[in-house]
Amino acid sequence: MAEEASPEKTTAEESFLSQPNSDAQGQLTAAVDELLDQLQSKFDNVSKEMFGKLDDMTRRLDELEASLTASGTESASATPTQ
């Protein structure tokens, strides 16, 4: 004769079997959240560094442009007219 599982036993078994699965899902979710947080932090740091370097490059280009303009003005006024 085949044994029939009682509904109570089946529910208890399903609960027991699903427990490790939900625990594993929770751990996976926590690991993925932590990884995403780390990536976001690294992305923020790289963005700040890039914007800082772009600002520095802009300042240096402005200084170079001003220097070239001043140099061109000086050379134009220093050239004798014939």
C-alpha atoms as a PDB file:
ATOM      1  CA  MET A   1       0.000   0.000   0.000  1.00  0.00           C
ATOM      2  CA  ALA A   2       1.131   3.527  -0.751  1.00  0.00           C
ATOM      3  CA  GLU A   3       1.444   5.879   2.139  1.00  0.00           C
ATOM      4  CA  GLU A   4      -0.402   9.154   1.815  1.00  0.00           C
ATOM      5  CA  ALA A   5       1.131  12.241   3.336  1.00  0.00           C
ATOM      6  CA  SER A   6      -1.075  14.183   5.626  1.00  0.00           C
ATOM      7  CA  PRO A   7      -1.642  17.848   4.703  1.00  0.00           C
ATOM      8  CA  GLU A   8      -0.079  18.945   7.979  1.00  0.00           C
ATOM      9  CA  LYS A   9       3.095  16.969   7.355  1.00  0.00           C
ATOM     10  CA  THR A  10       3.384  18.260   3.774  1.00  0.00           C
ATOM     11  CA  THR A  11       3.018  21.868   4.908  1.00  0.00           C
ATOM     12  CA  ALA A  12       5.649  21.379   7.599  1.00  0.00           C
ATOM     13  CA  GLU A  13       8.012  19.750   5.112  1.00  0.00           C
ATOM     14  CA  GLU A  14       7.478  22.525   2.577  1.00  0.00           C
ATOM     15  CA  SER A  15       8.143  25.124   5.252  1.00  0.00           C
ATOM     16  CA  PHE A  16      11.305  23.315   6.323  1.00  0.00           C
ATOM     17  CA  LEU A  17      12.514  22.939   2.737  1.00  0.00           C
ATOM     18  CA  SER A  18      11.758  26.530   1.786  1.00  0.00           C
ATOM     19  CA  GLN A  19      13.604  27.917   4.812  1.00  0.00           C
ATOM     20  CA  PRO A  20      17.135  27.348   3.456  1.00  0.00           C
ATOM     21  CA  ASN A  21      16.025  28.611   0.061  1.00  0.00           C
ATOM     22  CA  SER A  22      14.677  31.882   1.451  1.00  0.00           C
ATOM     23  CA  ASP A  23      17.788  32.201   3.640  1.00  0.00           C
ATOM     24  CA  ALA A  24      19.987  31.745   0.574  1.00  0.00           C
ATOM     25  CA  GLN A  25      17.915  34.321  -1.320  1.00  0.00           C
ATOM     26  CA  GLY A  26      18.313  36.747   1.561  1.00  0.00           C
ATOM     27  CA  GLN A  27      22.074  36.251   1.577  1.00  0.00           C
ATOM     28  CA  LEU A  28      22.233  36.677  -2.184  1.00  0.00           C
ATOM     29  CA  THR A  29      20.144  39.831  -2.000  1.00  0.00           C
ATOM     30  CA  ALA A  30      22.381  41.224   0.749  1.00  0.00           C
ATOM     31  CA  ALA A  31      25.522  40.387  -1.255  1.00  0.00           C
ATOM     32  CA  VAL A  32      24.129  42.021  -4.402  1.00  0.00           C
ATOM     33  CA  ASP A  33      23.090  45.133  -2.428  1.00  0.00           C
ATOM     34  CA  GLU A  34      26.561  45.388  -0.899  1.00  0.00           C
ATOM     35  CA  LEU A  35      28.187  44.985  -4.312  1.00  0.00           C
ATOM     36  CA  LEU A  36      25.949  47.676  -5.792  1.00  0.00           C
ATOM     37  CA  ASP A  37      26.793  50.011  -2.904  1.00  0.00           C
ATOM     38  CA  GLN A  38      30.502  49.432  -3.474  1.00  0.00           C
ATOM     39  CA  LEU A  39      30.151  50.063  -7.198  1.00  0.00           C
ATOM     40  CA  GLN A  40      28.164  53.239  -6.552  1.00  0.00           C
ATOM     41  CA  SER A  41      30.841  54.465  -4.153  1.00  0.00           C
ATOM     42  CA  LYS A  42      33.623  53.742  -6.646  1.00  0.00           C
ATOM     43  CA  PHE A  43      31.661  55.415  -9.433  1.00  0.00           C
ATOM     44  CA  ASP A  44      31.146  58.508  -7.265  1.00  0.00           C
ATOM     45  CA  ASN A  45      34.862  58.663  -6.463  1.00  0.00           C
ATOM     46  CA  VAL A  46      35.862  58.307 -10.125  1.00  0.00           C
ATOM     47  CA  SER A  47      33.327  60.955 -11.124  1.00  0.00           C
ATOM     48  CA  LYS A  48      34.688  63.385  -8.531  1.00  0.00           C
ATOM     49  CA  GLU A  49      38.256  62.757  -9.713  1.00  0.00           C
ATOM     50  CA  MET A  50      37.292  63.256 -13.355  1.00  0.00           C
ATOM     51  CA  PHE A  51      35.415  66.487 -12.677  1.00  0.00           C
ATOM     52  CA  GLY A  52      38.339  67.727 -10.579  1.00  0.00           C
ATOM     53  CA  LYS A  53      40.770  66.998 -13.397  1.00  0.00           C
ATOM     54  CA  LEU A  54      38.461  68.615 -15.959  1.00  0.00           C
ATOM     55  CA  ASP A  55      38.202  71.736 -13.779  1.00  0.00           C
ATOM     56  CA  ASP A  56      42.001  71.825 -13.448  1.00  0.00           C
ATOM     57  CA  MET A  57      42.389  71.413 -17.217  1.00  0.00           C
ATOM     58  CA  THR A  58      39.909  74.226 -17.842  1.00  0.00           C
ATOM     59  CA  ARG A  59      41.793  76.524 -15.463  1.00  0.00           C
ATOM     60  CA  ARG A  60      45.113  75.714 -17.108  1.00  0.00           C
ATOM     61  CA  LEU A  61      43.699  76.265 -20.605  1.00  0.00           C
ATOM     62  CA  ASP A  62      42.261  79.623 -19.524  1.00  0.00           C
ATOM     63  CA  GLU A  63      45.678  80.605 -18.147  1.00  0.00           C
ATOM     64  CA  LEU A  64      47.366  79.508 -21.391  1.00  0.00           C
ATOM     65  CA  GLU A  65      44.850  81.450 -23.473  1.00  0.00           C
ATOM     66  CA  ALA A  66      45.388  84.555 -21.358  1.00  0.00           C
ATOM     67  CA  SER A  67      49.157  84.146 -21.650  1.00  0.00           C
ATOM     68  CA  LEU A  68      48.991  83.765 -25.429  1.00  0.00           C
ATOM     69  CA  THR A  69      46.680  86.768 -25.734  1.00  0.00           C
ATOM     70  CA  ALA A  70      49.014  88.869 -23.605  1.00  0.00           C
ATOM     71  CA  SER A  71      52.029  87.654 -25.569  1.00  0.00           C
ATOM     72  CA  GLY A  72      50.336  88.457 -28.883  1.00  0.00           C
ATOM     73  CA  THR A  73      49.388  91.940 -27.667  1.00  0.00           C
ATOM     74  CA  GLU A  74      52.928  92.621 -26.463  1.00  0.00           C
ATOM     75  CA  SER A  75      54.505  91.424 -29.703  1.00  0.00           C
ATOM     76  CA  ALA A  76      52.051  93.460 -31.795  1.00  0.00           C
ATOM     77  CA  SER A  77      52.812  96.669 -29.867  1.00  0.00           C
ATOM     78  CA  ALA A  78      56.556  95.987 -29.859  1.00  0.00           C
ATOM     79  CA  THR A  79      56.758  95.532 -33.654  1.00  0.00           C
ATOM     80  CA  PRO A  80      57.871  98.768 -35.280  1.00  0.00           C
ATOM     81  CA  THR A  81      55.685 100.117 -38.069  1.00  0.00           C
ATOM     82  CA  GLN A  82      57.336 101.004 -41.358  1.00  0.00           C
END
